[in-house]
Amino acid sequence: MSNTSAEYDSVVATCRQLYINKMKDYGSAWRILRLPSLTDQIFIKAQRIRSLQENEVRKIDEDESGEFIGIINYSVMALIQLERGIADQPDLDVEEATKLYDEKIKLTKDLMEAKNHDYGEAWRDMRISSLTDLILQKLLRVKQIEDNKGKTLVSEGIDANYQDMINYAVFALILLGFNQ
């Protein structure tokens, strides 16, 4: 598990740095996005990954890594939006946005460690395509919950689904050998 923890931290460090750099370039313009807009951004990234995995010919020479990073960062933004609500104008500076990012990642990593303990790191034997499909499934669940105005009868909430998407994307990046 300690290896997983270090690999997780390494992947997240790259994602976090990109998040910070984009905050420096664009500010917190993403704070005006409604949750369904963030969900749709994540959906586009997951669909692109699936397309890259299925198509033999690529018109743009890129791999899935950048899209998995996007899934992680957009999911963190969604978790922040869930907690703070939507802003009318950008309202976070880099320092505060980074603090919120770190808080959401800590909670998500804690969840991963608990599940990883219980599941015995089963994800290490999974295919990256299966992790992609699980992310897409979580997205469809989130879309349904959003369409239901956030109400569920027996299911976990939207936040747990975003956390699972972050963890699946981190696992995929680890399996791809990202940051090694």
C-alpha atoms as a PDB file:
ATOM      1  CA  MET A   1       0.000   0.000   0.000  1.00  0.00           C
ATOM      2  CA  SER A   2       2.877   2.385   0.707  1.00  0.00           C
ATOM      3  CA  ASN A   3       3.900   2.061  -2.957  1.00  0.00           C
ATOM      4  CA  THR A   4       0.350   2.926  -4.014  1.00  0.00           C
ATOM      5  CA  SER A   5       0.368   5.919  -1.701  1.00  0.00           C
ATOM      6  CA  ALA A   6       3.629   7.239  -3.181  1.00  0.00           C
ATOM      7  CA  GLU A   7       2.453   6.584  -6.753  1.00  0.00           C
ATOM      8  CA  TYR A   8      -0.842   8.308  -5.988  1.00  0.00           C
ATOM      9  CA  ASP A   9       0.979  11.331  -4.554  1.00  0.00           C
ATOM     10  CA  SER A  10       3.237  11.515  -7.600  1.00  0.00           C
ATOM     11  CA  VAL A  11       0.312  11.519 -10.037  1.00  0.00           C
ATOM     12  CA  VAL A  12      -1.606  14.067  -7.963  1.00  0.00           C
ATOM     13  CA  ALA A  13       1.449  16.338  -7.737  1.00  0.00           C
ATOM     14  CA  THR A  14       1.483  16.610 -11.544  1.00  0.00           C
ATOM     15  CA  CYS A  15      -2.272  17.262 -11.656  1.00  0.00           C
ATOM     16  CA  ARG A  16      -2.002  19.825  -8.874  1.00  0.00           C
ATOM     17  CA  GLN A  17       0.796  21.709 -10.631  1.00  0.00           C
ATOM     18  CA  LEU A  18      -1.247  21.931 -13.832  1.00  0.00           C
ATOM     19  CA  TYR A  19      -4.233  23.170 -11.789  1.00  0.00           C
ATOM     20  CA  ILE A  20      -2.056  25.867 -10.181  1.00  0.00           C
ATOM     21  CA  ASN A  21      -0.559  26.913 -13.518  1.00  0.00           C
ATOM     22  CA  LYS A  22      -4.011  27.207 -15.076  1.00  0.00           C
ATOM     23  CA  MET A  23      -5.185  29.203 -12.056  1.00  0.00           C
ATOM     24  CA  LYS A  24      -2.273  31.589 -12.697  1.00  0.00           C
ATOM     25  CA  ASP A  25      -3.222  31.852 -16.384  1.00  0.00           C
ATOM     26  CA  TYR A  26      -7.019  32.027 -16.098  1.00  0.00           C
ATOM     27  CA  GLY A  27      -7.852  32.699 -12.472  1.00  0.00           C
ATOM     28  CA  SER A  28     -10.845  30.892 -11.054  1.00  0.00           C
ATOM     29  CA  ALA A  29     -13.083  31.468 -14.090  1.00  0.00           C
ATOM     30  CA  TRP A  30     -14.294  27.874 -13.598  1.00  0.00           C
ATOM     31  CA  ARG A  31     -16.144  29.027 -10.451  1.00  0.00           C
ATOM     32  CA  ILE A  32     -19.032  30.242 -12.632  1.00  0.00           C
ATOM     33  CA  LEU A  33     -19.637  26.754 -14.039  1.00  0.00           C
ATOM     34  CA  ARG A  34     -22.727  24.940 -12.906  1.00  0.00           C
ATOM     35  CA  LEU A  35     -22.247  21.346 -11.812  1.00  0.00           C
ATOM     36  CA  PRO A  36     -23.774  19.841 -14.986  1.00  0.00           C
ATOM     37  CA  SER A  37     -21.263  21.850 -17.044  1.00  0.00           C
ATOM     38  CA  LEU A  38     -18.368  20.352 -15.084  1.00  0.00           C
ATOM     39  CA  THR A  39     -19.922  16.897 -15.395  1.00  0.00           C
ATOM     40  CA  ASP A  40     -20.162  17.377 -19.150  1.00  0.00           C
ATOM     41  CA  GLN A  41     -16.502  18.460 -19.348  1.00  0.00           C
ATOM     42  CA  ILE A  42     -15.496  15.284 -17.548  1.00  0.00           C
ATOM     43  CA  PHE A  43     -17.796  13.266 -19.815  1.00  0.00           C
ATOM     44  CA  ILE A  44     -16.107  14.714 -22.934  1.00  0.00           C
ATOM     45  CA  LYS A  45     -12.686  13.748 -21.560  1.00  0.00           C
ATOM     46  CA  ALA A  46     -13.823  10.211 -20.700  1.00  0.00           C
ATOM     47  CA  GLN A  47     -15.431   9.772 -24.126  1.00  0.00           C
ATOM     48  CA  ARG A  48     -12.199  10.932 -25.781  1.00  0.00           C
ATOM     49  CA  ILE A  49     -10.223   8.385 -23.769  1.00  0.00           C
ATOM     50  CA  ARG A  50     -12.596   5.647 -24.858  1.00  0.00           C
ATOM     51  CA  SER A  51     -12.303   6.779 -28.462  1.00  0.00           C
ATOM     52  CA  LEU A  52      -8.494   6.780 -28.239  1.00  0.00           C
ATOM     53  CA  GLN A  53      -8.626   3.267 -26.781  1.00  0.00           C
ATOM     54  CA  GLU A  54     -10.941   1.953 -29.490  1.00  0.00           C
ATOM     55  CA  ASN A  55      -9.626   3.668 -32.623  1.00  0.00           C
ATOM     56  CA  GLU A  56      -6.563   2.269 -34.332  1.00  0.00           C
ATOM     57  CA  VAL A  57      -5.892   5.546 -36.140  1.00  0.00           C
ATOM     58  CA  ARG A  58      -5.291   8.779 -34.230  1.00  0.00           C
ATOM     59  CA  LYS A  59      -5.502  12.100 -36.025  1.00  0.00           C
ATOM     60  CA  ILE A  60      -3.899  13.888 -33.061  1.00  0.00           C
ATOM     61  CA  ASP A  61      -0.790  12.282 -31.624  1.00  0.00           C
ATOM     62  CA  GLU A  62      -1.744  12.250 -27.944  1.00  0.00           C
ATOM     63  CA  ASP A  63      -2.280   9.520 -25.417  1.00  0.00           C
ATOM     64  CA  GLU A  64      -4.891   9.271 -22.700  1.00  0.00           C
ATOM     65  CA  SER A  65      -2.762  10.745 -19.911  1.00  0.00           C
ATOM     66  CA  GLY A  66      -3.778  14.355 -20.444  1.00  0.00           C
ATOM     67  CA  GLU A  67      -7.445  13.413 -20.457  1.00  0.00           C
ATOM     68  CA  PHE A  68      -7.142  11.435 -17.214  1.00  0.00           C
ATOM     69  CA  ILE A  69      -5.439  14.477 -15.650  1.00  0.00           C
ATOM     70  CA  GLY A  70      -8.355  16.596 -16.857  1.00  0.00           C
ATOM     71  CA  ILE A  71     -10.825  14.182 -15.261  1.00  0.00           C
ATOM     72  CA  ILE A  72      -8.988  14.497 -11.951  1.00  0.00           C
ATOM     73  CA  ASN A  73      -8.824  18.283 -11.998  1.00  0.00           C
ATOM     74  CA  TYR A  74     -12.391  18.847 -13.219  1.00  0.00           C
ATOM     75  CA  SER A  75     -13.647  16.404 -10.579  1.00  0.00           C
ATOM     76  CA  VAL A  76     -11.827  18.351  -7.869  1.00  0.00           C
ATOM     77  CA  MET A  77     -13.415  21.549  -9.209  1.00  0.00           C
ATOM     78  CA  ALA A  78     -16.811  19.851  -9.063  1.00  0.00           C
ATOM     79  CA  LEU A  79     -16.226  18.851  -5.427  1.00  0.00           C
ATOM     80  CA  ILE A  80     -15.327  22.464  -4.642  1.00  0.00           C
ATOM     81  CA  GLN A  81     -18.466  23.675  -6.420  1.00  0.00           C
ATOM     82  CA  LEU A  82     -20.567  21.191  -4.442  1.00  0.00           C
ATOM     83  CA  GLU A  83     -19.217  22.605  -1.197  1.00  0.00           C
ATOM     84  CA  ARG A  84     -19.030  26.310  -2.035  1.00  0.00           C
ATOM     85  CA  GLY A  85     -21.775  26.754  -4.591  1.00  0.00           C
ATOM     86  CA  ILE A  86     -21.452  28.551  -7.889  1.00  0.00           C
ATOM     87  CA  ALA A  87     -19.981  32.042  -7.989  1.00  0.00           C
ATOM     88  CA  ASP A  88     -21.185  34.900 -10.189  1.00  0.00           C
ATOM     89  CA  GLN A  89     -17.577  35.953 -10.753  1.00  0.00           C
ATOM     90  CA  PRO A  90     -14.194  34.335 -10.181  1.00  0.00           C
ATOM     91  CA  ASP A  91     -13.687  34.583  -6.427  1.00  0.00           C
ATOM     92  CA  LEU A  92     -10.673  32.447  -5.512  1.00  0.00           C
ATOM     93  CA  ASP A  93      -7.035  33.395  -5.634  1.00  0.00           C
ATOM     94  CA  VAL A  94      -4.382  30.784  -6.371  1.00  0.00           C
ATOM     95  CA  GLU A  95      -3.585  30.219  -2.698  1.00  0.00           C
ATOM     96  CA  GLU A  96      -7.186  29.620  -1.614  1.00  0.00           C
ATOM     97  CA  ALA A  97      -7.987  27.505  -4.682  1.00  0.00           C
ATOM     98  CA  THR A  98      -4.918  25.364  -4.011  1.00  0.00           C
ATOM     99  CA  LYS A  99      -5.888  24.928  -0.370  1.00  0.00           C
ATOM    100  CA  LEU A 100      -9.341  23.716  -1.462  1.00  0.00           C
ATOM    101  CA  TYR A 101      -7.762  21.401  -4.037  1.00  0.00           C
ATOM    102  CA  ASP A 102      -5.534  19.876  -1.368  1.00  0.00           C
ATOM    103  CA  GLU A 103      -8.485  19.378   1.001  1.00  0.00           C
ATOM    104  CA  LYS A 104     -10.539  17.567  -1.656  1.00  0.00           C
ATOM    105  CA  ILE A 105      -7.597  15.401  -2.690  1.00  0.00           C
ATOM    106  CA  LYS A 106      -6.855  14.459   0.930  1.00  0.00           C
ATOM    107  CA  LEU A 107     -10.443  13.297   1.486  1.00  0.00           C
ATOM    108  CA  THR A 108     -10.378  11.418  -1.819  1.00  0.00           C
ATOM    109  CA  LYS A 109      -7.052   9.742  -1.071  1.00  0.00           C
ATOM    110  CA  ASP A 110      -8.332   8.735   2.376  1.00  0.00           C
ATOM    111  CA  LEU A 111     -11.322   7.105   0.657  1.00  0.00           C
ATOM    112  CA  MET A 112      -8.991   5.343  -1.783  1.00  0.00           C
ATOM    113  CA  GLU A 113      -6.842   3.977   1.036  1.00  0.00           C
ATOM    114  CA  ALA A 114      -9.888   2.637   2.890  1.00  0.00           C
ATOM    115  CA  LYS A 115     -11.320   0.992  -0.238  1.00  0.00           C
ATOM    116  CA  ASN A 116      -7.904  -0.231  -1.326  1.00  0.00           C
ATOM    117  CA  HIS A 117      -7.515  -1.968   2.015  1.00  0.00           C
ATOM    118  CA  ASP A 118     -10.893  -3.659   1.695  1.00  0.00           C
ATOM    119  CA  TYR A 119     -10.532  -4.592  -1.997  1.00  0.00           C
ATOM    120  CA  GLY A 120      -6.885  -5.664  -1.791  1.00  0.00           C
ATOM    121  CA  GLU A 121      -5.704  -3.421  -4.624  1.00  0.00           C
ATOM    122  CA  ALA A 122      -7.839  -5.291  -7.148  1.00  0.00           C
ATOM    123  CA  TRP A 123      -7.486  -2.308  -9.516  1.00  0.00           C
ATOM    124  CA  ARG A 124      -3.896  -3.357 -10.240  1.00  0.00           C
ATOM    125  CA  ASP A 125      -5.261  -6.344 -12.190  1.00  0.00           C
ATOM    126  CA  MET A 126      -7.776  -4.254 -14.136  1.00  0.00           C
ATOM    127  CA  ARG A 127      -7.441  -3.017 -17.682  1.00  0.00           C
ATOM    128  CA  ILE A 128      -7.230   0.714 -18.278  1.00  0.00           C
ATOM    129  CA  SER A 129     -10.241   0.343 -20.587  1.00  0.00           C
ATOM    130  CA  SER A 130     -12.245  -1.028 -17.636  1.00  0.00           C
ATOM    131  CA  LEU A 131     -11.275   1.960 -15.490  1.00  0.00           C
ATOM    132  CA  THR A 132     -12.407   4.215 -18.342  1.00  0.00           C
ATOM    133  CA  ASP A 133     -15.739   2.404 -18.501  1.00  0.00           C
ATOM    134  CA  LEU A 134     -16.182   2.744 -14.735  1.00  0.00           C
ATOM    135  CA  ILE A 135     -15.552   6.495 -15.015  1.00  0.00           C
ATOM    136  CA  LEU A 136     -18.170   6.714 -17.774  1.00  0.00           C
ATOM    137  CA  GLN A 137     -20.613   4.720 -15.629  1.00  0.00           C
ATOM    138  CA  LYS A 138     -20.043   7.101 -12.705  1.00  0.00           C
ATOM    139  CA  LEU A 139     -20.644  10.041 -15.043  1.00  0.00           C
ATOM    140  CA  LEU A 140     -23.947   8.596 -16.211  1.00  0.00           C
ATOM    141  CA  ARG A 141     -24.930   8.123 -12.570  1.00  0.00           C
ATOM    142  CA  VAL A 142     -24.013  11.733 -11.761  1.00  0.00           C
ATOM    143  CA  LYS A 143     -26.005  12.975 -14.747  1.00  0.00           C
ATOM    144  CA  GLN A 144     -29.034  11.008 -13.547  1.00  0.00           C
ATOM    145  CA  ILE A 145     -28.685  12.377 -10.011  1.00  0.00           C
ATOM    146  CA  GLU A 146     -28.365  15.906 -11.436  1.00  0.00           C
ATOM    147  CA  ASP A 147     -31.495  15.325 -13.513  1.00  0.00           C
ATOM    148  CA  ASN A 148     -33.213  14.190 -10.279  1.00  0.00           C
ATOM    149  CA  LYS A 149     -32.232  17.518  -8.646  1.00  0.00           C
ATOM    150  CA  GLY A 150     -29.695  15.758  -6.428  1.00  0.00           C
ATOM    151  CA  LYS A 151     -32.178  13.393  -4.828  1.00  0.00           C
ATOM    152  CA  THR A 152     -31.371   9.703  -4.442  1.00  0.00           C
ATOM    153  CA  LEU A 153     -33.299   6.920  -2.765  1.00  0.00           C
ATOM    154  CA  VAL A 154     -30.533   4.512  -1.776  1.00  0.00           C
ATOM    155  CA  SER A 155     -27.446   5.619  -3.679  1.00  0.00           C
ATOM    156  CA  GLU A 156     -24.344   7.473  -2.596  1.00  0.00           C
ATOM    157  CA  GLY A 157     -24.297  11.137  -3.457  1.00  0.00           C
ATOM    158  CA  ILE A 158     -22.655  13.025  -6.264  1.00  0.00           C
ATOM    159  CA  ASP A 159     -19.538  13.751  -4.200  1.00  0.00           C
ATOM    160  CA  ALA A 160     -18.717  10.051  -3.781  1.00  0.00           C
ATOM    161  CA  ASN A 161     -19.034   9.543  -7.535  1.00  0.00           C
ATOM    162  CA  TYR A 162     -16.607  12.398  -8.259  1.00  0.00           C
ATOM    163  CA  GLN A 163     -14.187  10.956  -5.711  1.00  0.00           C
ATOM    164  CA  ASP A 164     -14.403   7.534  -7.362  1.00  0.00           C
ATOM    165  CA  MET A 165     -13.718   9.127 -10.763  1.00  0.00           C
ATOM    166  CA  ILE A 166     -10.613  10.819  -9.355  1.00  0.00           C
ATOM    167  CA  ASN A 167      -9.378   7.552  -7.899  1.00  0.00           C
ATOM    168  CA  TYR A 168     -10.059   5.561 -11.087  1.00  0.00           C
ATOM    169  CA  ALA A 169      -8.222   8.203 -13.141  1.00  0.00           C
ATOM    170  CA  VAL A 170      -5.251   8.123 -10.748  1.00  0.00           C
ATOM    171  CA  PHE A 171      -5.206   4.311 -10.969  1.00  0.00           C
ATOM    172  CA  ALA A 172      -5.254   4.506 -14.779  1.00  0.00           C
ATOM    173  CA  LEU A 173      -2.323   6.918 -14.774  1.00  0.00           C
ATOM    174  CA  ILE A 174      -0.386   4.654 -12.412  1.00  0.00           C
ATOM    175  CA  LEU A 175      -1.067   1.655 -14.686  1.00  0.00           C
ATOM    176  CA  LEU A 176       0.044   3.713 -17.693  1.00  0.00           C
ATOM    177  CA  GLY A 177       3.364   4.270 -15.926  1.00  0.00           C
ATOM    178  CA  PHE A 178       2.765   7.998 -15.634  1.00  0.00           C
ATOM    179  CA  ASN A 179       5.391   9.865 -13.533  1.00  0.00           C
ATOM    180  CA  GLN A 180       7.699   6.873 -13.211  1.00  0.00           C
END
